[in-house]
């Protein structure tokens, strides 16, 4: 039995050395982004935003297919039946 939580969860057990490298890489990327001209910053911002929305869409789709959003339909129907459903 190992005491390394990363190994216990099936990870490679790489420890803080890898975490330090990842943070260094993220810090480097942040510095690069901050130094971009306005047009390039806007381009990377738009790209990241689109990626975020794509990820959100996939999560919502997966939740919907798994039935995790059925409570919203149920609440809407209940409010409609009570006459308390508001138009958007």
C-alpha atoms as a PDB file:
ATOM      1  CA  UNK A   1       0.000   0.000   0.000  1.00  0.00           C
ATOM      2  CA  UNK A   2       1.414   3.360  -0.976  1.00  0.00           C
ATOM      3  CA  UNK A   3       1.023   6.622   0.866  1.00  0.00           C
ATOM      4  CA  UNK A   4       1.310   8.690  -2.298  1.00  0.00           C
ATOM      5  CA  UNK A   5      -2.201   9.924  -3.024  1.00  0.00           C
ATOM      6  CA  UNK A   6      -1.390  10.399  -6.696  1.00  0.00           C
ATOM      7  CA  UNK A   7      -0.575   6.723  -7.058  1.00  0.00           C
ATOM      8  CA  UNK A   8      -3.638   5.761  -5.055  1.00  0.00           C
ATOM      9  CA  UNK A   9      -5.783   7.628  -7.581  1.00  0.00           C
ATOM     10  CA  UNK A  10      -4.002   6.041 -10.522  1.00  0.00           C
ATOM     11  CA  UNK A  11      -1.673   8.988 -11.138  1.00  0.00           C
ATOM     12  CA  UNK A  12       1.986   8.726 -12.004  1.00  0.00           C
ATOM     13  CA  UNK A  13       3.098   9.934  -8.580  1.00  0.00           C
ATOM     14  CA  UNK A  14       5.245  12.680 -10.060  1.00  0.00           C
ATOM     15  CA  UNK A  15       4.983  14.895  -7.012  1.00  0.00           C
ATOM     16  CA  UNK A  16       5.824  18.532  -6.561  1.00  0.00           C
ATOM     17  CA  UNK A  17       8.594  18.591  -9.191  1.00  0.00           C
ATOM     18  CA  UNK A  18       6.062  18.284 -12.006  1.00  0.00           C
ATOM     19  CA  UNK A  19       3.640  20.632 -10.268  1.00  0.00           C
ATOM     20  CA  UNK A  20       6.412  23.239 -10.086  1.00  0.00           C
ATOM     21  CA  UNK A  21       7.116  22.813 -13.807  1.00  0.00           C
ATOM     22  CA  UNK A  22       3.444  23.189 -14.661  1.00  0.00           C
ATOM     23  CA  UNK A  23       3.122  26.350 -12.569  1.00  0.00           C
ATOM     24  CA  UNK A  24       6.275  27.724 -14.150  1.00  0.00           C
ATOM     25  CA  UNK A  25       4.823  27.032 -17.596  1.00  0.00           C
ATOM     26  CA  UNK A  26       1.524  28.696 -16.645  1.00  0.00           C
ATOM     27  CA  UNK A  27       3.376  31.696 -15.240  1.00  0.00           C
ATOM     28  CA  UNK A  28       5.394  31.893 -18.469  1.00  0.00           C
ATOM     29  CA  UNK A  29       2.203  31.767 -20.548  1.00  0.00           C
ATOM     30  CA  UNK A  30       0.612  34.495 -18.426  1.00  0.00           C
ATOM     31  CA  UNK A  31       3.644  36.723 -18.923  1.00  0.00           C
ATOM     32  CA  UNK A  32       3.580  36.091 -22.667  1.00  0.00           C
ATOM     33  CA  UNK A  33      -0.136  36.894 -22.871  1.00  0.00           C
ATOM     34  CA  UNK A  34       0.315  40.086 -20.863  1.00  0.00           C
ATOM     35  CA  UNK A  35       3.026  41.232 -23.255  1.00  0.00           C
ATOM     36  CA  UNK A  36       0.913  40.733 -26.407  1.00  0.00           C
ATOM     37  CA  UNK A  37      -0.154  43.706 -28.515  1.00  0.00           C
ATOM     38  CA  UNK A  38      -3.845  44.604 -28.132  1.00  0.00           C
ATOM     39  CA  UNK A  39      -4.935  42.872 -31.327  1.00  0.00           C
ATOM     40  CA  UNK A  40      -3.205  39.613 -30.441  1.00  0.00           C
ATOM     41  CA  UNK A  41      -4.498  39.765 -26.872  1.00  0.00           C
ATOM     42  CA  UNK A  42      -8.040  40.160 -28.245  1.00  0.00           C
ATOM     43  CA  UNK A  43      -7.472  37.190 -30.554  1.00  0.00           C
ATOM     44  CA  UNK A  44      -6.242  34.896 -27.752  1.00  0.00           C
ATOM     45  CA  UNK A  45      -9.023  36.134 -25.463  1.00  0.00           C
ATOM     46  CA  UNK A  46     -11.635  35.290 -28.103  1.00  0.00           C
ATOM     47  CA  UNK A  47     -10.097  31.863 -28.692  1.00  0.00           C
ATOM     48  CA  UNK A  48     -10.048  31.045 -24.967  1.00  0.00           C
ATOM     49  CA  UNK A  49     -13.599  32.302 -24.576  1.00  0.00           C
ATOM     50  CA  UNK A  50     -14.820  30.121 -27.442  1.00  0.00           C
ATOM     51  CA  UNK A  51     -13.013  27.114 -25.973  1.00  0.00           C
ATOM     52  CA  UNK A  52     -14.679  27.773 -22.625  1.00  0.00           C
ATOM     53  CA  UNK A  53     -18.146  27.966 -24.191  1.00  0.00           C
ATOM     54  CA  UNK A  54     -17.492  24.776 -26.191  1.00  0.00           C
ATOM     55  CA  UNK A  55     -16.534  22.974 -22.980  1.00  0.00           C
ATOM     56  CA  UNK A  56     -19.638  24.348 -21.234  1.00  0.00           C
ATOM     57  CA  UNK A  57     -21.858  23.184 -24.109  1.00  0.00           C
ATOM     58  CA  UNK A  58     -20.402  19.662 -23.884  1.00  0.00           C
ATOM     59  CA  UNK A  59     -20.946  19.568 -20.117  1.00  0.00           C
ATOM     60  CA  UNK A  60     -24.562  20.739 -20.467  1.00  0.00           C
ATOM     61  CA  UNK A  61     -25.183  18.176 -23.213  1.00  0.00           C
ATOM     62  CA  UNK A  62     -23.720  15.383 -21.074  1.00  0.00           C
ATOM     63  CA  UNK A  63     -25.771  16.489 -18.051  1.00  0.00           C
ATOM     64  CA  UNK A  64     -28.911  16.612 -20.173  1.00  0.00           C
ATOM     65  CA  UNK A  65     -28.342  13.153 -21.641  1.00  0.00           C
ATOM     66  CA  UNK A  66     -27.673  11.785 -18.148  1.00  0.00           C
ATOM     67  CA  UNK A  67     -30.957  13.244 -16.865  1.00  0.00           C
ATOM     68  CA  UNK A  68     -29.285  15.629 -14.423  1.00  0.00           C
ATOM     69  CA  UNK A  69     -31.318  18.569 -15.723  1.00  0.00           C
ATOM     70  CA  UNK A  70     -34.759  16.995 -15.460  1.00  0.00           C
ATOM     71  CA  UNK A  71     -35.414  18.973 -12.295  1.00  0.00           C
ATOM     72  CA  UNK A  72     -35.445  22.151 -14.404  1.00  0.00           C
ATOM     73  CA  UNK A  73     -38.170  20.779 -16.669  1.00  0.00           C
ATOM     74  CA  UNK A  74     -40.124  19.642 -13.624  1.00  0.00           C
ATOM     75  CA  UNK A  75     -39.809  23.052 -11.945  1.00  0.00           C
ATOM     76  CA  UNK A  76     -40.900  24.817 -15.133  1.00  0.00           C
ATOM     77  CA  UNK A  77     -43.961  22.628 -15.494  1.00  0.00           C
ATOM     78  CA  UNK A  78     -44.865  23.128 -11.832  1.00  0.00           C
ATOM     79  CA  UNK A  79     -44.573  26.911 -12.164  1.00  0.00           C
ATOM     80  CA  UNK A  80     -46.617  26.876 -15.358  1.00  0.00           C
ATOM     81  CA  UNK A  81     -49.351  24.839 -13.643  1.00  0.00           C
ATOM     82  CA  UNK A  82     -49.402  27.294 -10.727  1.00  0.00           C
ATOM     83  CA  UNK A  83     -49.444  30.262 -13.090  1.00  0.00           C
ATOM     84  CA  UNK A  84     -46.188  31.601 -11.653  1.00  0.00           C
ATOM     85  CA  UNK A  85     -43.999  30.982 -14.697  1.00  0.00           C
ATOM     86  CA  UNK A  86     -42.441  34.258 -15.836  1.00  0.00           C
ATOM     87  CA  UNK A  87     -41.717  35.217 -19.437  1.00  0.00           C
ATOM     88  CA  UNK A  88     -38.116  35.946 -20.246  1.00  0.00           C
END
